[in-house]
Amino acid sequence: ASVKTRAKRRFLELQEKGEPADLAKIAADIEDRDYRDMHRDISPLRQAEDATLVDSSDMTIDQVVERILELCR
């Protein structure tokens, strides 16, 4: 999912728990973590060349599962 979507999901999780949340800070933290994960010296996080990307930004969990099952068939 996009940074915007992941930040919104996390923001809503924290709100449901009654915890303070700053959407912009959450998004910045996610972007920073993504950058560090992709640029680390050992085992940088990268999509495999033969992988199929499933962008779940605008999908429900059920839709993601269904899309993955379609790819497996």
PDB file of N, CA and C in Angstrom:
ATOM      1  N   ALA A   1       0.849  -1.181   0.000  1.00  0.00           N
ATOM      2  CA  ALA A   1       0.000   0.000   0.000  1.00  0.00           C
ATOM      3  C   ALA A   1       0.892   1.242   0.000  1.00  0.00           C
ATOM      4  N   SER A   2       0.329   2.321  -0.444  1.00  0.00           N
ATOM      5  CA  SER A   2       1.069   3.582  -0.491  1.00  0.00           C
ATOM      6  C   SER A   2       1.365   4.083   0.921  1.00  0.00           C
ATOM      7  N   VAL A   3       2.329   4.985   1.018  1.00  0.00           N
ATOM      8  CA  VAL A   3       2.655   5.585   2.308  1.00  0.00           C
ATOM      9  C   VAL A   3       1.419   6.264   2.887  1.00  0.00           C
ATOM     10  N   LYS A   4       0.700   6.995   2.050  1.00  0.00           N
ATOM     11  CA  LYS A   4      -0.496   7.701   2.495  1.00  0.00           C
ATOM     12  C   LYS A   4      -1.515   6.736   3.092  1.00  0.00           C
ATOM     13  N   THR A   5      -1.744   5.624   2.422  1.00  0.00           N
ATOM     14  CA  THR A   5      -2.715   4.638   2.891  1.00  0.00           C
ATOM     15  C   THR A   5      -2.244   3.977   4.180  1.00  0.00           C
ATOM     16  N   ARG A   6      -0.962   3.589   4.228  1.00  0.00           N
ATOM     17  CA  ARG A   6      -0.449   2.943   5.437  1.00  0.00           C
ATOM     18  C   ARG A   6      -0.486   3.891   6.629  1.00  0.00           C
ATOM     19  N   ALA A   7      -0.175   5.168   6.389  1.00  0.00           N
ATOM     20  CA  ALA A   7      -0.221   6.152   7.471  1.00  0.00           C
ATOM     21  C   ALA A   7      -1.647   6.330   7.982  1.00  0.00           C
ATOM     22  N   LYS A   8      -2.591   6.383   7.059  1.00  0.00           N
ATOM     23  CA  LYS A   8      -3.993   6.547   7.458  1.00  0.00           C
ATOM     24  C   LYS A   8      -4.460   5.341   8.262  1.00  0.00           C
ATOM     25  N   ARG A   9      -4.079   4.145   7.823  1.00  0.00           N
ATOM     26  CA  ARG A   9      -4.455   2.924   8.553  1.00  0.00           C
ATOM     27  C   ARG A   9      -3.894   2.961   9.978  1.00  0.00           C
ATOM     28  N   ARG A  10      -2.625   3.334  10.099  1.00  0.00           N
ATOM     29  CA  ARG A  10      -1.983   3.391  11.422  1.00  0.00           C
ATOM     30  C   ARG A  10      -2.631   4.473  12.288  1.00  0.00           C
ATOM     31  N   PHE A  11      -2.929   5.622  11.683  1.00  0.00           N
ATOM     32  CA  PHE A  11      -3.577   6.720  12.381  1.00  0.00           C
ATOM     33  C   PHE A  11      -4.915   6.262  12.971  1.00  0.00           C
ATOM     34  N   LEU A  12      -5.703   5.569  12.152  1.00  0.00           N
ATOM     35  CA  LEU A  12      -7.005   5.079  12.619  1.00  0.00           C
ATOM     36  C   LEU A  12      -6.855   4.030  13.715  1.00  0.00           C
ATOM     37  N   GLU A  13      -5.842   3.171  13.607  1.00  0.00           N
ATOM     38  CA  GLU A  13      -5.578   2.177  14.657  1.00  0.00           C
ATOM     39  C   GLU A  13      -5.307   2.865  15.990  1.00  0.00           C
ATOM     40  N   LEU A  14      -4.442   3.879  15.949  1.00  0.00           N
ATOM     41  CA  LEU A  14      -4.094   4.588  17.175  1.00  0.00           C
ATOM     42  C   LEU A  14      -5.303   5.331  17.751  1.00  0.00           C
ATOM     43  N   GLN A  15      -6.106   5.934  16.883  1.00  0.00           N
ATOM     44  CA  GLN A  15      -7.305   6.625  17.349  1.00  0.00           C
ATOM     45  C   GLN A  15      -8.274   5.661  18.026  1.00  0.00           C
ATOM     46  N   GLU A  16      -8.440   4.470  17.447  1.00  0.00           N
ATOM     47  CA  GLU A  16      -9.326   3.476  18.038  1.00  0.00           C
ATOM     48  C   GLU A  16      -8.864   3.060  19.431  1.00  0.00           C
ATOM     49  N   LYS A  17      -7.548   3.078  19.645  1.00  0.00           N
ATOM     50  CA  LYS A  17      -6.990   2.734  20.952  1.00  0.00           C
ATOM     51  C   LYS A  17      -7.011   3.921  21.903  1.00  0.00           C
ATOM     52  N   GLY A  18      -7.434   5.091  21.401  1.00  0.00           N
ATOM     53  CA  GLY A  18      -7.462   6.275  22.237  1.00  0.00           C
ATOM     54  C   GLY A  18      -6.100   6.922  22.420  1.00  0.00           C
ATOM     55  N   GLU A  19      -5.152   6.567  21.565  1.00  0.00           N
ATOM     56  CA  GLU A  19      -3.803   7.108  21.652  1.00  0.00           C
ATOM     57  C   GLU A  19      -3.671   8.332  20.744  1.00  0.00           C
ATOM     58  N   PRO A  20      -2.856   9.301  21.152  1.00  0.00           N
ATOM     59  CA  PRO A  20      -2.668  10.479  20.296  1.00  0.00           C
ATOM     60  C   PRO A  20      -1.955  10.081  19.006  1.00  0.00           C
ATOM     61  N   ALA A  21      -2.319  10.736  17.916  1.00  0.00           N
ATOM     62  CA  ALA A  21      -1.730  10.386  16.624  1.00  0.00           C
ATOM     63  C   ALA A  21      -1.641  11.625  15.742  1.00  0.00           C
ATOM     64  N   ASP A  22      -0.516  11.752  15.059  1.00  0.00           N
ATOM     65  CA  ASP A  22      -0.279  12.847  14.121  1.00  0.00           C
ATOM     66  C   ASP A  22      -0.048  12.220  12.754  1.00  0.00           C
ATOM     67  N   LEU A  23      -1.005  12.401  11.846  1.00  0.00           N
ATOM     68  CA  LEU A  23      -0.953  11.747  10.540  1.00  0.00           C
ATOM     69  C   LEU A  23       0.322  12.101   9.777  1.00  0.00           C
ATOM     70  N   ALA A  24       0.717  13.355   9.780  1.00  0.00           N
ATOM     71  CA  ALA A  24       1.919  13.770   9.053  1.00  0.00           C
ATOM     72  C   ALA A  24       3.170  13.113   9.633  1.00  0.00           C
ATOM     73  N   LYS A  25       3.242  13.013  10.947  1.00  0.00           N
ATOM     74  CA  LYS A  25       4.400  12.375  11.602  1.00  0.00           C
ATOM     75  C   LYS A  25       4.434  10.888  11.294  1.00  0.00           C
ATOM     76  N   ILE A  26       3.283  10.262  11.317  1.00  0.00           N
ATOM     77  CA  ILE A  26       3.213   8.830  10.999  1.00  0.00           C
ATOM     78  C   ILE A  26       3.692   8.593   9.567  1.00  0.00           C
ATOM     79  N   ALA A  27       3.227   9.409   8.625  1.00  0.00           N
ATOM     80  CA  ALA A  27       3.630   9.264   7.217  1.00  0.00           C
ATOM     81  C   ALA A  27       5.134   9.474   7.073  1.00  0.00           C
ATOM     82  N   ALA A  28       5.675  10.480   7.753  1.00  0.00           N
ATOM     83  CA  ALA A  28       7.119  10.740   7.685  1.00  0.00           C
ATOM     84  C   ALA A  28       7.906   9.564   8.261  1.00  0.00           C
ATOM     85  N   ASP A  29       7.436   8.996   9.350  1.00  0.00           N
ATOM     86  CA  ASP A  29       8.103   7.832   9.956  1.00  0.00           C
ATOM     87  C   ASP A  29       8.090   6.636   8.998  1.00  0.00           C
ATOM     88  N   ILE A  30       6.973   6.411   8.323  1.00  0.00           N
ATOM     89  CA  ILE A  30       6.872   5.300   7.377  1.00  0.00           C
ATOM     90  C   ILE A  30       7.828   5.522   6.202  1.00  0.00           C
ATOM     91  N   GLU A  31       7.855   6.736   5.663  1.00  0.00           N
ATOM     92  CA  GLU A  31       8.767   7.041   4.553  1.00  0.00           C
ATOM     93  C   GLU A  31      10.216   6.824   4.975  1.00  0.00           C
ATOM     94  N   ASP A  32      10.564   7.269   6.184  1.00  0.00           N
ATOM     95  CA  ASP A  32      11.928   7.102   6.689  1.00  0.00           C
ATOM     96  C   ASP A  32      12.269   5.626   6.833  1.00  0.00           C
ATOM     97  N   ARG A  33      11.356   4.856   7.403  1.00  0.00           N
ATOM     98  CA  ARG A  33      11.617   3.419   7.581  1.00  0.00           C
ATOM     99  C   ARG A  33      11.755   2.721   6.233  1.00  0.00           C
ATOM    100  N   ASP A  34      10.881   3.060   5.279  1.00  0.00           N
ATOM    101  CA  ASP A  34      10.973   2.474   3.944  1.00  0.00           C
ATOM    102  C   ASP A  34      12.333   2.776   3.307  1.00  0.00           C
ATOM    103  N   TYR A  35      12.765   4.026   3.428  1.00  0.00           N
ATOM    104  CA  TYR A  35      14.052   4.420   2.840  1.00  0.00           C
ATOM    105  C   TYR A  35      15.198   3.621   3.473  1.00  0.00           C
ATOM    106  N   ARG A  36      15.197   3.553   4.800  1.00  0.00           N
ATOM    107  CA  ARG A  36      16.269   2.799   5.489  1.00  0.00           C
ATOM    108  C   ARG A  36      16.242   1.328   5.081  1.00  0.00           C
ATOM    109  N   ASP A  37      15.046   0.742   5.006  1.00  0.00           N
ATOM    110  CA  ASP A  37      14.937  -0.674   4.633  1.00  0.00           C
ATOM    111  C   ASP A  37      15.447  -0.930   3.217  1.00  0.00           C
ATOM    112  N   MET A  38      15.203   0.003   2.305  1.00  0.00           N
ATOM    113  CA  MET A  38      15.618  -0.181   0.913  1.00  0.00           C
ATOM    114  C   MET A  38      17.096   0.140   0.682  1.00  0.00           C
ATOM    115  N   HIS A  39      17.715   0.868   1.583  1.00  0.00           N
ATOM    116  CA  HIS A  39      19.101   1.299   1.373  1.00  0.00           C
ATOM    117  C   HIS A  39      20.091   0.721   2.367  1.00  0.00           C
ATOM    118  N   ARG A  40      19.688  -0.244   3.170  1.00  0.00           N
ATOM    119  CA  ARG A  40      20.627  -0.842   4.124  1.00  0.00           C
ATOM    120  C   ARG A  40      21.644  -1.687   3.369  1.00  0.00           C
ATOM    121  N   ASP A  41      22.822  -1.824   3.945  1.00  0.00           N
ATOM    122  CA  ASP A  41      23.907  -2.564   3.299  1.00  0.00           C
ATOM    123  C   ASP A  41      23.624  -4.057   3.191  1.00  0.00           C
ATOM    124  N   ILE A  42      23.054  -4.610   4.238  1.00  0.00           N
ATOM    125  CA  ILE A  42      22.799  -6.049   4.260  1.00  0.00           C
ATOM    126  C   ILE A  42      21.315  -6.303   4.005  1.00  0.00           C
ATOM    127  N   SER A  43      21.041  -7.108   3.012  1.00  0.00           N
ATOM    128  CA  SER A  43      19.681  -7.512   2.648  1.00  0.00           C
ATOM    129  C   SER A  43      18.719  -6.333   2.479  1.00  0.00           C
ATOM    130  N   PRO A  44      19.037  -5.408   1.580  1.00  0.00           N
ATOM    131  CA  PRO A  44      18.098  -4.303   1.362  1.00  0.00           C
ATOM    132  C   PRO A  44      16.758  -4.828   0.860  1.00  0.00           C
ATOM    133  N   LEU A  45      15.706  -4.182   1.293  1.00  0.00           N
ATOM    134  CA  LEU A  45      14.362  -4.607   0.923  1.00  0.00           C
ATOM    135  C   LEU A  45      14.073  -4.194  -0.510  1.00  0.00           C
ATOM    136  N   ARG A  46      13.875  -5.196  -1.374  1.00  0.00           N
ATOM    137  CA  ARG A  46      13.587  -4.951  -2.790  1.00  0.00           C
ATOM    138  C   ARG A  46      12.594  -5.995  -3.278  1.00  0.00           C
ATOM    139  N   GLN A  47      11.806  -5.574  -4.236  1.00  0.00           N
ATOM    140  CA  GLN A  47      10.873  -6.510  -4.861  1.00  0.00           C
ATOM    141  C   GLN A  47      11.677  -7.430  -5.776  1.00  0.00           C
ATOM    142  N   ALA A  48      11.408  -8.711  -5.715  1.00  0.00           N
ATOM    143  CA  ALA A  48      12.082  -9.661  -6.589  1.00  0.00           C
ATOM    144  C   ALA A  48      11.721  -9.364  -8.041  1.00  0.00           C
ATOM    145  N   GLU A  49      12.644  -9.641  -8.945  1.00  0.00           N
ATOM    146  CA  GLU A  49      12.427  -9.345 -10.366  1.00  0.00           C
ATOM    147  C   GLU A  49      11.186 -10.046 -10.918  1.00  0.00           C
ATOM    148  N   ASP A  50      10.914 -11.243 -10.435  1.00  0.00           N
ATOM    149  CA  ASP A  50       9.785 -12.005 -10.969  1.00  0.00           C
ATOM    150  C   ASP A  50       8.522 -11.895 -10.103  1.00  0.00           C
ATOM    151  N   ALA A  51       8.531 -10.966  -9.143  1.00  0.00           N
ATOM    152  CA  ALA A  51       7.377 -10.800  -8.254  1.00  0.00           C
ATOM    153  C   ALA A  51       6.271  -9.993  -8.921  1.00  0.00           C
ATOM    154  N   THR A  52       5.061 -10.263  -8.503  1.00  0.00           N
ATOM    155  CA  THR A  52       3.905  -9.496  -8.954  1.00  0.00           C
ATOM    156  C   THR A  52       3.489  -8.583  -7.808  1.00  0.00           C
ATOM    157  N   LEU A  53       3.437  -7.296  -8.071  1.00  0.00           N
ATOM    158  CA  LEU A  53       3.064  -6.325  -7.052  1.00  0.00           C
ATOM    159  C   LEU A  53       1.546  -6.248  -6.940  1.00  0.00           C
ATOM    160  N   VAL A  54       1.037  -6.411  -5.728  1.00  0.00           N
ATOM    161  CA  VAL A  54      -0.379  -6.236  -5.455  1.00  0.00           C
ATOM    162  C   VAL A  54      -0.488  -4.991  -4.578  1.00  0.00           C
ATOM    163  N   ASP A  55      -0.917  -3.892  -5.165  1.00  0.00           N
ATOM    164  CA  ASP A  55      -1.061  -2.637  -4.427  1.00  0.00           C
ATOM    165  C   ASP A  55      -2.395  -2.658  -3.705  1.00  0.00           C
ATOM    166  N   SER A  56      -2.335  -2.773  -2.402  1.00  0.00           N
ATOM    167  CA  SER A  56      -3.557  -2.905  -1.600  1.00  0.00           C
ATOM    168  C   SER A  56      -4.085  -1.559  -1.110  1.00  0.00           C
ATOM    169  N   SER A  57      -3.583  -0.467  -1.666  1.00  0.00           N
ATOM    170  CA  SER A  57      -3.967   0.870  -1.191  1.00  0.00           C
ATOM    171  C   SER A  57      -5.471   1.080  -1.156  1.00  0.00           C
ATOM    172  N   ASP A  58      -6.167   0.652  -2.175  1.00  0.00           N
ATOM    173  CA  ASP A  58      -7.609   0.878  -2.261  1.00  0.00           C
ATOM    174  C   ASP A  58      -8.398  -0.422  -2.208  1.00  0.00           C
ATOM    175  N   MET A  59      -7.837  -1.409  -1.491  1.00  0.00           N
ATOM    176  CA  MET A  59      -8.480  -2.717  -1.418  1.00  0.00           C
ATOM    177  C   MET A  59      -8.767  -3.091   0.033  1.00  0.00           C
ATOM    178  N   THR A  60      -9.842  -3.848   0.215  1.00  0.00           N
ATOM    179  CA  THR A  60     -10.120  -4.424   1.531  1.00  0.00           C
ATOM    180  C   THR A  60      -9.252  -5.676   1.686  1.00  0.00           C
ATOM    181  N   ILE A  61      -9.217  -6.205   2.885  1.00  0.00           N
ATOM    182  CA  ILE A  61      -8.455  -7.438   3.111  1.00  0.00           C
ATOM    183  C   ILE A  61      -8.997  -8.558   2.226  1.00  0.00           C
ATOM    184  N   ASP A  62     -10.312  -8.665   2.148  1.00  0.00           N
ATOM    185  CA  ASP A  62     -10.916  -9.712   1.315  1.00  0.00           C
ATOM    186  C   ASP A  62     -10.535  -9.547  -0.153  1.00  0.00           C
ATOM    187  N   GLN A  63     -10.484  -8.322  -0.627  1.00  0.00           N
ATOM    188  CA  GLN A  63     -10.100  -8.071  -2.017  1.00  0.00           C
ATOM    189  C   GLN A  63      -8.636  -8.444  -2.260  1.00  0.00           C
ATOM    190  N   VAL A  64      -7.784  -8.175  -1.293  1.00  0.00           N
ATOM    191  CA  VAL A  64      -6.368  -8.550  -1.421  1.00  0.00           C
ATOM    192  C   VAL A  64      -6.233 -10.064  -1.499  1.00  0.00           C
ATOM    193  N   VAL A  65      -6.927 -10.745  -0.601  1.00  0.00           N
ATOM    194  CA  VAL A  65      -6.884 -12.217  -0.601  1.00  0.00           C
ATOM    195  C   VAL A  65      -7.370 -12.758  -1.935  1.00  0.00           C
ATOM    196  N   GLU A  66      -8.481 -12.224  -2.436  1.00  0.00           N
ATOM    197  CA  GLU A  66      -9.030 -12.689  -3.703  1.00  0.00           C
ATOM    198  C   GLU A  66      -8.045 -12.440  -4.858  1.00  0.00           C
ATOM    199  N   ARG A  67      -7.409 -11.287  -4.858  1.00  0.00           N
ATOM    200  CA  ARG A  67      -6.438 -10.979  -5.925  1.00  0.00           C
ATOM    201  C   ARG A  67      -5.259 -11.944  -5.885  1.00  0.00           C
ATOM    202  N   ILE A  68      -4.771 -12.244  -4.707  1.00  0.00           N
ATOM    203  CA  ILE A  68      -3.650 -13.182  -4.575  1.00  0.00           C
ATOM    204  C   ILE A  68      -4.074 -14.573  -5.025  1.00  0.00           C
ATOM    205  N   LEU A  69      -5.277 -14.988  -4.659  1.00  0.00           N
ATOM    206  CA  LEU A  69      -5.772 -16.293  -5.096  1.00  0.00           C
ATOM    207  C   LEU A  69      -5.900 -16.344  -6.618  1.00  0.00           C
ATOM    208  N   GLU A  70      -6.366 -15.241  -7.223  1.00  0.00           N
ATOM    209  CA  GLU A  70      -6.464 -15.189  -8.685  1.00  0.00           C
ATOM    210  C   GLU A  70      -5.079 -15.367  -9.316  1.00  0.00           C
ATOM    211  N   LEU A  71      -4.084 -14.752  -8.739  1.00  0.00           N
ATOM    212  CA  LEU A  71      -2.722 -14.868  -9.291  1.00  0.00           C
ATOM    213  C   LEU A  71      -2.177 -16.291  -9.158  1.00  0.00           C
ATOM    214  N   CYS A  72      -2.629 -17.003  -8.141  1.00  0.00           N
ATOM    215  CA  CYS A  72      -2.146 -18.370  -7.905  1.00  0.00           C
ATOM    216  C   CYS A  72      -2.811 -19.388  -8.834  1.00  0.00           C
ATOM    217  N   ARG A  73      -3.965 -19.042  -9.343  1.00  0.00           N
ATOM    218  CA  ARG A  73      -4.712 -19.991 -10.182  1.00  0.00           C
ATOM    219  C   ARG A  73      -4.145 -20.079 -11.559  1.00  0.00           C
TER     220      ARG A  73
END
